[in-house]
Amino acid sequence: EEIKAKKKEFLAKTAKVKKQKPNRNQQLIAFLNAIKPEIKQS
């Protein structure tokens, strides 16, 4: 009974936490899109 009562607490403590980090790739693509005319000209 005690195990069943603490099941959710146990699973919450062992769950993998995903960290939110900025996607550098999106920032790079946005930057390259901003200079796309210069890239094409080059």
PDB file of all heavy atoms in Angstrom:
ATOM      1  N   GLU A   1       0.835  -1.208   0.000  1.00  0.00           N
ATOM      2  CA  GLU A   1       0.000   0.000   0.000  1.00  0.00           C
ATOM      3  C   GLU A   1       0.869   1.257   0.000  1.00  0.00           C
ATOM      4  O   GLU A   1       0.584   2.227  -0.693  1.00  0.00           O
ATOM      5  CB  GLU A   1      -0.957   0.012   1.206  1.00  0.00           C
ATOM      6  CG  GLU A   1      -2.063  -1.023   1.169  1.00  0.00           C
ATOM      7  CD  GLU A   1      -1.596  -2.424   1.557  1.00  0.00           C
ATOM      8  OE1 GLU A   1      -0.596  -2.553   2.321  1.00  0.00           O
ATOM      9  OE2 GLU A   1      -2.204  -3.397   1.077  1.00  0.00           O
ATOM     10  N   GLU A   2       1.947   1.243   0.790  1.00  0.00           N
ATOM     11  CA  GLU A   2       2.855   2.394   0.836  1.00  0.00           C
ATOM     12  C   GLU A   2       3.579   2.567  -0.497  1.00  0.00           C
ATOM     13  O   GLU A   2       3.783   3.687  -0.951  1.00  0.00           O
ATOM     14  CB  GLU A   2       3.882   2.221   1.964  1.00  0.00           C
ATOM     15  CG  GLU A   2       3.277   2.322   3.355  1.00  0.00           C
ATOM     16  CD  GLU A   2       4.270   1.952   4.446  1.00  0.00           C
ATOM     17  OE1 GLU A   2       5.128   1.079   4.215  1.00  0.00           O
ATOM     18  OE2 GLU A   2       4.183   2.550   5.532  1.00  0.00           O
ATOM     19  N   ILE A   3       3.934   1.454  -1.120  1.00  0.00           N
ATOM     20  CA  ILE A   3       4.597   1.517  -2.430  1.00  0.00           C
ATOM     21  C   ILE A   3       3.666   2.139  -3.459  1.00  0.00           C
ATOM     22  O   ILE A   3       4.051   3.021  -4.219  1.00  0.00           O
ATOM     23  CB  ILE A   3       5.058   0.107  -2.879  1.00  0.00           C
ATOM     24  CG1 ILE A   3       6.176  -0.387  -1.958  1.00  0.00           C
ATOM     25  CG2 ILE A   3       5.502   0.126  -4.339  1.00  0.00           C
ATOM     26  CD1 ILE A   3       6.557  -1.837  -2.173  1.00  0.00           C
ATOM     27  N   LYS A   4       2.421   1.676  -3.481  1.00  0.00           N
ATOM     28  CA  LYS A   4       1.433   2.209  -4.435  1.00  0.00           C
ATOM     29  C   LYS A   4       1.180   3.696  -4.193  1.00  0.00           C
ATOM     30  O   LYS A   4       1.020   4.462  -5.125  1.00  0.00           O
ATOM     31  CB  LYS A   4       0.127   1.426  -4.351  1.00  0.00           C
ATOM     32  CG  LYS A   4       0.213   0.043  -4.956  1.00  0.00           C
ATOM     33  CD  LYS A   4      -1.104  -0.686  -4.860  1.00  0.00           C
ATOM     34  CE  LYS A   4      -0.996  -2.094  -5.446  1.00  0.00           C
ATOM     35  NZ  LYS A   4      -2.256  -2.830  -5.326  1.00  0.00           N
ATOM     36  N   ALA A   5       1.153   4.098  -2.923  1.00  0.00           N
ATOM     37  CA  ALA A   5       0.890   5.492  -2.585  1.00  0.00           C
ATOM     38  C   ALA A   5       2.026   6.406  -3.041  1.00  0.00           C
ATOM     39  O   ALA A   5       1.798   7.565  -3.389  1.00  0.00           O
ATOM     40  CB  ALA A   5       0.670   5.632  -1.080  1.00  0.00           C
ATOM     41  N   LYS A   6       3.252   5.904  -3.079  1.00  0.00           N
ATOM     42  CA  LYS A   6       4.398   6.736  -3.436  1.00  0.00           C
ATOM     43  C   LYS A   6       4.894   6.502  -4.865  1.00  0.00           C
ATOM     44  O   LYS A   6       5.940   7.004  -5.253  1.00  0.00           O
ATOM     45  CB  LYS A   6       5.536   6.494  -2.446  1.00  0.00           C
ATOM     46  CG  LYS A   6       5.187   6.964  -1.050  1.00  0.00           C
ATOM     47  CD  LYS A   6       6.378   6.979  -0.160  1.00  0.00           C
ATOM     48  CE  LYS A   6       6.008   7.572   1.191  1.00  0.00           C
ATOM     49  NZ  LYS A   6       7.157   7.980   1.934  1.00  0.00           N
ATOM     50  N   LYS A   7       4.107   5.756  -5.642  1.00  0.00           N
ATOM     51  CA  LYS A   7       4.511   5.421  -7.009  1.00  0.00           C
ATOM     52  C   LYS A   7       4.736   6.677  -7.860  1.00  0.00           C
ATOM     53  O   LYS A   7       5.761   6.821  -8.526  1.00  0.00           O
ATOM     54  CB  LYS A   7       3.448   4.531  -7.652  1.00  0.00           C
ATOM     55  CG  LYS A   7       3.772   4.100  -9.062  1.00  0.00           C
ATOM     56  CD  LYS A   7       2.663   3.203  -9.608  1.00  0.00           C
ATOM     57  CE  LYS A   7       2.975   2.812 -11.037  1.00  0.00           C
ATOM     58  NZ  LYS A   7       1.924   1.939 -11.589  1.00  0.00           N
ATOM     59  N   LYS A   8       3.785   7.617  -7.817  1.00  0.00           N
ATOM     60  CA  LYS A   8       3.897   8.843  -8.616  1.00  0.00           C
ATOM     61  C   LYS A   8       5.103   9.680  -8.176  1.00  0.00           C
ATOM     62  O   LYS A   8       5.803  10.250  -9.003  1.00  0.00           O
ATOM     63  CB  LYS A   8       2.616   9.672  -8.537  1.00  0.00           C
ATOM     64  CG  LYS A   8       1.473   9.085  -9.326  1.00  0.00           C
ATOM     65  CD  LYS A   8       0.261   9.965  -9.290  1.00  0.00           C
ATOM     66  CE  LYS A   8      -0.896   9.326 -10.039  1.00  0.00           C
ATOM     67  NZ  LYS A   8      -2.095  10.147  -9.971  1.00  0.00           N
ATOM     68  N   GLU A   9       5.318   9.755  -6.880  1.00  0.00           N
ATOM     69  CA  GLU A   9       6.455  10.511  -6.356  1.00  0.00           C
ATOM     70  C   GLU A   9       7.774   9.911  -6.847  1.00  0.00           C
ATOM     71  O   GLU A   9       8.680  10.619  -7.278  1.00  0.00           O
ATOM     72  CB  GLU A   9       6.413  10.521  -4.829  1.00  0.00           C
ATOM     73  CG  GLU A   9       7.554  11.278  -4.196  1.00  0.00           C
ATOM     74  CD  GLU A   9       7.556  11.180  -2.670  1.00  0.00           C
ATOM     75  OE1 GLU A   9       6.552  10.743  -2.087  1.00  0.00           O
ATOM     76  OE2 GLU A   9       8.596  11.537  -2.078  1.00  0.00           O
ATOM     77  N   PHE A  10       7.869   8.582  -6.814  1.00  0.00           N
ATOM     78  CA  PHE A  10       9.070   7.896  -7.284  1.00  0.00           C
ATOM     79  C   PHE A  10       9.301   8.156  -8.771  1.00  0.00           C
ATOM     80  O   PHE A  10      10.406   8.503  -9.192  1.00  0.00           O
ATOM     81  CB  PHE A  10       8.932   6.385  -7.025  1.00  0.00           C
ATOM     82  CG  PHE A  10      10.077   5.587  -7.584  1.00  0.00           C
ATOM     83  CD1 PHE A  10      11.279   5.505  -6.903  1.00  0.00           C
ATOM     84  CD2 PHE A  10       9.955   4.921  -8.792  1.00  0.00           C
ATOM     85  CE1 PHE A  10      12.332   4.771  -7.416  1.00  0.00           C
ATOM     86  CE2 PHE A  10      11.005   4.192  -9.313  1.00  0.00           C
ATOM     87  CZ  PHE A  10      12.200   4.110  -8.627  1.00  0.00           C
ATOM     88  N   LEU A  11       8.255   8.009  -9.584  1.00  0.00           N
ATOM     89  CA  LEU A  11       8.385   8.221 -11.025  1.00  0.00           C
ATOM     90  C   LEU A  11       8.737   9.667 -11.352  1.00  0.00           C
ATOM     91  O   LEU A  11       9.496   9.932 -12.284  1.00  0.00           O
ATOM     92  CB  LEU A  11       7.105   7.791 -11.747  1.00  0.00           C
ATOM     93  CG  LEU A  11       6.825   6.281 -11.720  1.00  0.00           C
ATOM     94  CD1 LEU A  11       5.474   5.988 -12.356  1.00  0.00           C
ATOM     95  CD2 LEU A  11       7.929   5.507 -12.408  1.00  0.00           C
ATOM     96  N   ALA A  12       8.205  10.599 -10.579  1.00  0.00           N
ATOM     97  CA  ALA A  12       8.523  12.011 -10.806  1.00  0.00           C
ATOM     98  C   ALA A  12       9.991  12.296 -10.522  1.00  0.00           C
ATOM     99  O   ALA A  12      10.639  13.073 -11.229  1.00  0.00           O
ATOM    100  CB  ALA A  12       7.634  12.892  -9.933  1.00  0.00           C
ATOM    101  N   LYS A  13      10.535  11.654  -9.507  1.00  0.00           N
ATOM    102  CA  LYS A  13      11.936  11.873  -9.157  1.00  0.00           C
ATOM    103  C   LYS A  13      12.889  11.224 -10.154  1.00  0.00           C
ATOM    104  O   LYS A  13      14.016  11.672 -10.316  1.00  0.00           O
ATOM    105  CB  LYS A  13      12.227  11.344  -7.745  1.00  0.00           C
ATOM    106  CG  LYS A  13      11.626  12.194  -6.654  1.00  0.00           C
ATOM    107  CD  LYS A  13      11.966  11.657  -5.292  1.00  0.00           C
ATOM    108  CE  LYS A  13      11.378  12.537  -4.204  1.00  0.00           C
ATOM    109  NZ  LYS A  13      11.705  12.070  -2.856  1.00  0.00           N
ATOM    110  N   THR A  14      12.447  10.158 -10.796  1.00  0.00           N
ATOM    111  CA  THR A  14      13.316   9.453 -11.729  1.00  0.00           C
ATOM    112  C   THR A  14      13.106   9.877 -13.180  1.00  0.00           C
ATOM    113  O   THR A  14      13.839   9.436 -14.063  1.00  0.00           O
ATOM    114  CB  THR A  14      13.111   7.925 -11.639  1.00  0.00           C
ATOM    115  OG1 THR A  14      11.751   7.626 -11.953  1.00  0.00           O
ATOM    116  CG2 THR A  14      13.468   7.402 -10.268  1.00  0.00           C
ATOM    117  N   ALA A  15      12.111  10.725 -13.423  1.00  0.00           N
ATOM    118  CA  ALA A  15      11.837  11.159 -14.790  1.00  0.00           C
ATOM    119  C   ALA A  15      12.984  12.012 -15.313  1.00  0.00           C
ATOM    120  O   ALA A  15      13.579  12.815 -14.583  1.00  0.00           O
ATOM    121  CB  ALA A  15      10.537  11.944 -14.846  1.00  0.00           C
ATOM    122  N   LYS A  16      13.295  11.836 -16.578  1.00  0.00           N
ATOM    123  CA  LYS A  16      14.364  12.606 -17.208  1.00  0.00           C
ATOM    124  C   LYS A  16      13.835  14.008 -17.506  1.00  0.00           C
ATOM    125  O   LYS A  16      12.798  14.169 -18.136  1.00  0.00           O
ATOM    126  CB  LYS A  16      14.794  11.911 -18.501  1.00  0.00           C
ATOM    127  CG  LYS A  16      16.017  12.494 -19.123  1.00  0.00           C
ATOM    128  CD  LYS A  16      16.471  11.657 -20.306  1.00  0.00           C
ATOM    129  CE  LYS A  16      17.763  12.192 -20.854  1.00  0.00           C
ATOM    130  NZ  LYS A  16      18.243  11.381 -21.973  1.00  0.00           N
ATOM    131  N   VAL A  17      14.569  14.994 -17.059  1.00  0.00           N
ATOM    132  CA  VAL A  17      14.169  16.378 -17.257  1.00  0.00           C
ATOM    133  C   VAL A  17      14.852  16.918 -18.510  1.00  0.00           C
ATOM    134  O   VAL A  17      16.074  16.862 -18.634  1.00  0.00           O
ATOM    135  CB  VAL A  17      14.546  17.244 -16.026  1.00  0.00           C
ATOM    136  CG1 VAL A  17      14.164  18.685 -16.244  1.00  0.00           C
ATOM    137  CG2 VAL A  17      13.888  16.687 -14.777  1.00  0.00           C
ATOM    138  N   LYS A  18      14.045  17.401 -19.444  1.00  0.00           N
ATOM    139  CA  LYS A  18      14.613  17.984 -20.661  1.00  0.00           C
ATOM    140  C   LYS A  18      14.890  19.457 -20.414  1.00  0.00           C
ATOM    141  O   LYS A  18      14.012  20.207 -19.994  1.00  0.00           O
ATOM    142  CB  LYS A  18      13.641  17.839 -21.831  1.00  0.00           C
ATOM    143  CG  LYS A  18      13.466  16.423 -22.287  1.00  0.00           C
ATOM    144  CD  LYS A  18      12.607  16.351 -23.520  1.00  0.00           C
ATOM    145  CE  LYS A  18      12.469  14.928 -24.003  1.00  0.00           C
ATOM    146  NZ  LYS A  18      11.668  14.846 -25.226  1.00  0.00           N
ATOM    147  N   LYS A  19      16.121  19.836 -20.654  1.00  0.00           N
ATOM    148  CA  LYS A  19      16.491  21.235 -20.485  1.00  0.00           C
ATOM    149  C   LYS A  19      16.191  21.987 -21.772  1.00  0.00           C
ATOM    150  O   LYS A  19      16.482  21.505 -22.858  1.00  0.00           O
ATOM    151  CB  LYS A  19      17.978  21.357 -20.155  1.00  0.00           C
ATOM    152  CG  LYS A  19      18.351  20.774 -18.817  1.00  0.00           C
ATOM    153  CD  LYS A  19      19.822  20.942 -18.535  1.00  0.00           C
ATOM    154  CE  LYS A  19      20.183  20.338 -17.192  1.00  0.00           C
ATOM    155  NZ  LYS A  19      21.613  20.425 -16.924  1.00  0.00           N
ATOM    156  N   GLN A  20      15.615  23.140 -21.627  1.00  0.00           N
ATOM    157  CA  GLN A  20      15.336  23.982 -22.784  1.00  0.00           C
ATOM    158  C   GLN A  20      16.573  24.814 -23.080  1.00  0.00           C
ATOM    159  O   GLN A  20      17.008  25.604 -22.259  1.00  0.00           O
ATOM    160  CB  GLN A  20      14.144  24.912 -22.502  1.00  0.00           C
ATOM    161  CG  GLN A  20      12.832  24.180 -22.321  1.00  0.00           C
ATOM    162  CD  GLN A  20      12.342  23.529 -23.588  1.00  0.00           C
ATOM    163  OE1 GLN A  20      12.656  23.975 -24.679  1.00  0.00           O
ATOM    164  NE2 GLN A  20      11.591  22.451 -23.453  1.00  0.00           N
ATOM    165  N   LYS A  21      17.149  24.594 -24.244  1.00  0.00           N
ATOM    166  CA  LYS A  21      18.290  25.398 -24.626  1.00  0.00           C
ATOM    167  C   LYS A  21      18.022  25.989 -25.998  1.00  0.00           C
ATOM    168  O   LYS A  21      17.362  25.372 -26.834  1.00  0.00           O
ATOM    169  CB  LYS A  21      19.586  24.580 -24.617  1.00  0.00           C
ATOM    170  CG  LYS A  21      19.557  23.297 -25.392  1.00  0.00           C
ATOM    171  CD  LYS A  21      20.864  22.554 -25.185  1.00  0.00           C
ATOM    172  CE  LYS A  21      20.760  21.162 -25.807  1.00  0.00           C
ATOM    173  NZ  LYS A  21      21.975  20.403 -25.605  1.00  0.00           N
ATOM    174  N   PRO A  22      18.502  27.188 -26.241  1.00  0.00           N
ATOM    175  CA  PRO A  22      18.230  27.816 -27.528  1.00  0.00           C
ATOM    176  C   PRO A  22      18.885  27.022 -28.649  1.00  0.00           C
ATOM    177  O   PRO A  22      19.998  26.518 -28.508  1.00  0.00           O
ATOM    178  CB  PRO A  22      18.867  29.205 -27.403  1.00  0.00           C
ATOM    179  CG  PRO A  22      19.876  29.054 -26.326  1.00  0.00           C
ATOM    180  CD  PRO A  22      19.357  27.992 -25.391  1.00  0.00           C
ATOM    181  N   ASN A  23      18.162  26.916 -29.739  1.00  0.00           N
ATOM    182  CA  ASN A  23      18.683  26.172 -30.873  1.00  0.00           C
ATOM    183  C   ASN A  23      19.591  27.090 -31.679  1.00  0.00           C
ATOM    184  O   ASN A  23      19.131  27.974 -32.387  1.00  0.00           O
ATOM    185  CB  ASN A  23      17.528  25.647 -31.726  1.00  0.00           C
ATOM    186  CG  ASN A  23      17.998  24.672 -32.780  1.00  0.00           C
ATOM    187  OD1 ASN A  23      19.185  24.596 -33.087  1.00  0.00           O
ATOM    188  ND2 ASN A  23      17.073  23.925 -33.332  1.00  0.00           N
ATOM    189  N   ARG A  24      20.887  26.868 -31.550  1.00  0.00           N
ATOM    190  CA  ARG A  24      21.855  27.714 -32.252  1.00  0.00           C
ATOM    191  C   ARG A  24      21.689  27.588 -33.755  1.00  0.00           C
ATOM    192  O   ARG A  24      21.940  28.519 -34.489  1.00  0.00           O
ATOM    193  CB  ARG A  24      23.268  27.313 -31.864  1.00  0.00           C
ATOM    194  CG  ARG A  24      23.620  27.637 -30.449  1.00  0.00           C
ATOM    195  CD  ARG A  24      25.053  27.289 -30.172  1.00  0.00           C
ATOM    196  NE  ARG A  24      25.333  27.397 -28.758  1.00  0.00           N
ATOM    197  CZ  ARG A  24      26.414  26.945 -28.198  1.00  0.00           C
ATOM    198  NH1 ARG A  24      27.322  26.333 -28.917  1.00  0.00           N
ATOM    199  NH2 ARG A  24      26.614  27.085 -26.912  1.00  0.00           N
ATOM    200  N   ASN A  25      21.280  26.401 -34.191  1.00  0.00           N
ATOM    201  CA  ASN A  25      21.132  26.169 -35.613  1.00  0.00           C
ATOM    202  C   ASN A  25      20.092  27.113 -36.208  1.00  0.00           C
ATOM    203  O   ASN A  25      20.281  27.645 -37.298  1.00  0.00           O
ATOM    204  CB  ASN A  25      20.756  24.707 -35.876  1.00  0.00           C
ATOM    205  CG  ASN A  25      20.990  24.299 -37.301  1.00  0.00           C
ATOM    206  OD1 ASN A  25      21.839  24.848 -37.986  1.00  0.00           O
ATOM    207  ND2 ASN A  25      20.225  23.334 -37.760  1.00  0.00           N
ATOM    208  N   GLN A  26      18.989  27.347 -35.499  1.00  0.00           N
ATOM    209  CA  GLN A  26      17.956  28.258 -35.984  1.00  0.00           C
ATOM    210  C   GLN A  26      18.514  29.685 -36.069  1.00  0.00           C
ATOM    211  O   GLN A  26      18.208  30.408 -37.005  1.00  0.00           O
ATOM    212  CB  GLN A  26      16.733  28.220 -35.079  1.00  0.00           C
ATOM    213  CG  GLN A  26      15.920  26.957 -35.218  1.00  0.00           C
ATOM    214  CD  GLN A  26      14.737  26.927 -34.270  1.00  0.00           C
ATOM    215  OE1 GLN A  26      14.703  27.669 -33.281  1.00  0.00           O
ATOM    216  NE2 GLN A  26      13.781  26.061 -34.547  1.00  0.00           N
ATOM    217  N   GLN A  27      19.309  30.065 -35.093  1.00  0.00           N
ATOM    218  CA  GLN A  27      19.900  31.405 -35.107  1.00  0.00           C
ATOM    219  C   GLN A  27      20.871  31.544 -36.272  1.00  0.00           C
ATOM    220  O   GLN A  27      20.907  32.578 -36.931  1.00  0.00           O
ATOM    221  CB  GLN A  27      20.610  31.680 -33.789  1.00  0.00           C
ATOM    222  CG  GLN A  27      19.670  31.781 -32.608  1.00  0.00           C
ATOM    223  CD  GLN A  27      20.407  31.878 -31.285  1.00  0.00           C
ATOM    224  OE1 GLN A  27      21.558  31.486 -31.173  1.00  0.00           O
ATOM    225  NE2 GLN A  27      19.721  32.402 -30.281  1.00  0.00           N
ATOM    226  N   LEU A  28      21.649  30.486 -36.537  1.00  0.00           N
ATOM    227  CA  LEU A  28      22.590  30.511 -37.646  1.00  0.00           C
ATOM    228  C   LEU A  28      21.854  30.611 -38.976  1.00  0.00           C
ATOM    229  O   LEU A  28      22.228  31.401 -39.841  1.00  0.00           O
ATOM    230  CB  LEU A  28      23.467  29.252 -37.621  1.00  0.00           C
ATOM    231  CG  LEU A  28      24.435  29.091 -38.786  1.00  0.00           C
ATOM    232  CD1 LEU A  28      25.450  30.222 -38.808  1.00  0.00           C
ATOM    233  CD2 LEU A  28      25.136  27.749 -38.715  1.00  0.00           C
ATOM    234  N   ILE A  29      20.788  29.836 -39.141  1.00  0.00           N
ATOM    235  CA  ILE A  29      20.013  29.867 -40.375  1.00  0.00           C
ATOM    236  C   ILE A  29      19.391  31.247 -40.578  1.00  0.00           C
ATOM    237  O   ILE A  29      19.390  31.780 -41.691  1.00  0.00           O
ATOM    238  CB  ILE A  29      18.944  28.753 -40.377  1.00  0.00           C
ATOM    239  CG1 ILE A  29      19.641  27.391 -40.501  1.00  0.00           C
ATOM    240  CG2 ILE A  29      17.939  28.933 -41.502  1.00  0.00           C
ATOM    241  CD1 ILE A  29      18.740  26.198 -40.267  1.00  0.00           C
ATOM    242  N   ALA A  30      18.885  31.843 -39.512  1.00  0.00           N
ATOM    243  CA  ALA A  30      18.307  33.185 -39.619  1.00  0.00           C
ATOM    244  C   ALA A  30      19.368  34.199 -40.052  1.00  0.00           C
ATOM    245  O   ALA A  30      19.115  35.065 -40.892  1.00  0.00           O
ATOM    246  CB  ALA A  30      17.686  33.598 -38.287  1.00  0.00           C
ATOM    247  N   PHE A  31      20.578  34.062 -39.488  1.00  0.00           N
ATOM    248  CA  PHE A  31      21.669  34.961 -39.864  1.00  0.00           C
ATOM    249  C   PHE A  31      22.043  34.768 -41.323  1.00  0.00           C
ATOM    250  O   PHE A  31      22.183  35.744 -42.073  1.00  0.00           O
ATOM    251  CB  PHE A  31      22.889  34.711 -38.968  1.00  0.00           C
ATOM    252  CG  PHE A  31      24.151  35.344 -39.485  1.00  0.00           C
ATOM    253  CD1 PHE A  31      24.326  36.723 -39.412  1.00  0.00           C
ATOM    254  CD2 PHE A  31      25.139  34.578 -40.067  1.00  0.00           C
ATOM    255  CE1 PHE A  31      25.471  37.310 -39.912  1.00  0.00           C
ATOM    256  CE2 PHE A  31      26.294  35.157 -40.559  1.00  0.00           C
ATOM    257  CZ  PHE A  31      26.459  36.531 -40.480  1.00  0.00           C
ATOM    258  N   LEU A  32      22.203  33.516 -41.750  1.00  0.00           N
ATOM    259  CA  LEU A  32      22.578  33.251 -43.141  1.00  0.00           C
ATOM    260  C   LEU A  32      21.488  33.712 -44.105  1.00  0.00           C
ATOM    261  O   LEU A  32      21.788  34.200 -45.198  1.00  0.00           O
ATOM    262  CB  LEU A  32      22.886  31.767 -43.343  1.00  0.00           C
ATOM    263  CG  LEU A  32      24.157  31.261 -42.653  1.00  0.00           C
ATOM    264  CD1 LEU A  32      24.277  29.752 -42.776  1.00  0.00           C
ATOM    265  CD2 LEU A  32      25.396  31.942 -43.202  1.00  0.00           C
ATOM    266  N   ASN A  33      20.229  33.591 -43.702  1.00  0.00           N
ATOM    267  CA  ASN A  33      19.133  34.090 -44.541  1.00  0.00           C
ATOM    268  C   ASN A  33      19.222  35.610 -44.689  1.00  0.00           C
ATOM    269  O   ASN A  33      18.878  36.157 -45.746  1.00  0.00           O
ATOM    270  CB  ASN A  33      17.772  33.699 -43.964  1.00  0.00           C
ATOM    271  CG  ASN A  33      17.324  32.339 -44.437  1.00  0.00           C
ATOM    272  OD1 ASN A  33      17.520  31.964 -45.585  1.00  0.00           O
ATOM    273  ND2 ASN A  33      16.708  31.586 -43.543  1.00  0.00           N
ATOM    274  N   ALA A  34      19.671  36.280 -43.630  1.00  0.00           N
ATOM    275  CA  ALA A  34      19.777  37.740 -43.682  1.00  0.00           C
ATOM    276  C   ALA A  34      20.857  38.193 -44.661  1.00  0.00           C
ATOM    277  O   ALA A  34      20.746  39.264 -45.255  1.00  0.00           O
ATOM    278  CB  ALA A  34      20.061  38.291 -42.284  1.00  0.00           C
ATOM    279  N   ILE A  35      21.897  37.366 -44.833  1.00  0.00           N
ATOM    280  CA  ILE A  35      22.975  37.753 -45.754  1.00  0.00           C
ATOM    281  C   ILE A  35      22.958  36.914 -47.038  1.00  0.00           C
ATOM    282  O   ILE A  35      23.944  36.882 -47.775  1.00  0.00           O
ATOM    283  CB  ILE A  35      24.361  37.669 -45.066  1.00  0.00           C
ATOM    284  CG1 ILE A  35      24.684  36.235 -44.640  1.00  0.00           C
ATOM    285  CG2 ILE A  35      24.466  38.638 -43.907  1.00  0.00           C
ATOM    286  CD1 ILE A  35      26.137  36.042 -44.249  1.00  0.00           C
ATOM    287  N   LYS A  36      21.823  36.271 -47.305  1.00  0.00           N
ATOM    288  CA  LYS A  36      21.716  35.412 -48.490  1.00  0.00           C
ATOM    289  C   LYS A  36      22.033  36.149 -49.788  1.00  0.00           C
ATOM    290  O   LYS A  36      22.759  35.605 -50.633  1.00  0.00           O
ATOM    291  CB  LYS A  36      20.325  34.774 -48.570  1.00  0.00           C
ATOM    292  CG  LYS A  36      20.263  33.682 -49.625  1.00  0.00           C
ATOM    293  CD  LYS A  36      18.897  33.085 -49.924  1.00  0.00           C
ATOM    294  CE  LYS A  36      17.989  32.835 -48.807  1.00  0.00           C
ATOM    295  NZ  LYS A  36      16.754  32.135 -49.200  1.00  0.00           N
ATOM    296  N   PRO A  37      21.571  37.388 -49.982  1.00  0.00           N
ATOM    297  CA  PRO A  37      21.920  38.084 -51.232  1.00  0.00           C
ATOM    298  C   PRO A  37      23.436  38.264 -51.409  1.00  0.00           C
ATOM    299  O   PRO A  37      23.958  38.115 -52.510  1.00  0.00           O
ATOM    300  CB  PRO A  37      21.219  39.433 -51.111  1.00  0.00           C
ATOM    301  CG  PRO A  37      20.119  39.216 -50.129  1.00  0.00           C
ATOM    302  CD  PRO A  37      20.618  38.165 -49.188  1.00  0.00           C
ATOM    303  N   GLU A  38      24.122  38.559 -50.306  1.00  0.00           N
ATOM    304  CA  GLU A  38      25.569  38.720 -50.368  1.00  0.00           C
ATOM    305  C   GLU A  38      26.255  37.386 -50.687  1.00  0.00           C
ATOM    306  O   GLU A  38      27.242  37.347 -51.425  1.00  0.00           O
ATOM    307  CB  GLU A  38      26.115  39.294 -49.051  1.00  0.00           C
ATOM    308  CG  GLU A  38      25.765  40.745 -48.808  1.00  0.00           C
ATOM    309  CD  GLU A  38      24.362  40.953 -48.238  1.00  0.00           C
ATOM    310  OE1 GLU A  38      23.629  39.966 -48.006  1.00  0.00           O
ATOM    311  OE2 GLU A  38      23.988  42.113 -48.034  1.00  0.00           O
ATOM    312  N   ILE A  39      25.715  36.301 -50.125  1.00  0.00           N
ATOM    313  CA  ILE A  39      26.272  34.972 -50.401  1.00  0.00           C
ATOM    314  C   ILE A  39      26.118  34.654 -51.886  1.00  0.00           C
ATOM    315  O   ILE A  39      27.071  34.224 -52.542  1.00  0.00           O
ATOM    316  CB  ILE A  39      25.587  33.898 -49.525  1.00  0.00           C
ATOM    317  CG1 ILE A  39      25.954  34.095 -48.053  1.00  0.00           C
ATOM    318  CG2 ILE A  39      25.975  32.492 -49.987  1.00  0.00           C
ATOM    319  CD1 ILE A  39      25.177  33.219 -47.081  1.00  0.00           C
ATOM    320  N   LYS A  40      24.908  34.884 -52.417  1.00  0.00           N
ATOM    321  CA  LYS A  40      24.665  34.608 -53.845  1.00  0.00           C
ATOM    322  C   LYS A  40      25.579  35.451 -54.720  1.00  0.00           C
ATOM    323  O   LYS A  40      26.123  34.967 -55.714  1.00  0.00           O
ATOM    324  CB  LYS A  40      23.200  34.881 -54.193  1.00  0.00           C
ATOM    325  CG  LYS A  40      22.248  33.834 -53.680  1.00  0.00           C
ATOM    326  CD  LYS A  40      20.828  34.135 -54.118  1.00  0.00           C
ATOM    327  CE  LYS A  40      19.868  33.048 -53.701  1.00  0.00           C
ATOM    328  NZ  LYS A  40      18.496  33.315 -54.139  1.00  0.00           N
ATOM    329  N   GLN A  41      25.760  36.723 -54.361  1.00  0.00           N
ATOM    330  CA  GLN A  41      26.625  37.621 -55.138  1.00  0.00           C
ATOM    331  C   GLN A  41      28.074  37.128 -55.108  1.00  0.00           C
ATOM    332  O   GLN A  41      28.749  37.116 -56.131  1.00  0.00           O
ATOM    333  CB  GLN A  41      26.536  39.046 -54.581  1.00  0.00           C
ATOM    334  CG  GLN A  41      27.356  40.063 -55.344  1.00  0.00           C
ATOM    335  CD  GLN A  41      26.822  40.297 -56.748  1.00  0.00           C
ATOM    336  OE1 GLN A  41      25.613  40.350 -56.949  1.00  0.00           O
ATOM    337  NE2 GLN A  41      27.708  40.425 -57.719  1.00  0.00           N
ATOM    338  N   SER A  42      28.522  36.704 -53.943  1.00  0.00           N
ATOM    339  CA  SER A  42      29.898  36.207 -53.811  1.00  0.00           C
ATOM    340  C   SER A  42      30.111  34.958 -54.656  1.00  0.00           C
ATOM    341  O   SER A  42      31.138  34.811 -55.314  1.00  0.00           O
ATOM    342  CB  SER A  42      30.209  35.875 -52.349  1.00  0.00           C
ATOM    343  OG  SER A  42      30.098  37.034 -51.551  1.00  0.00           O
TER     344      SER A  42
END
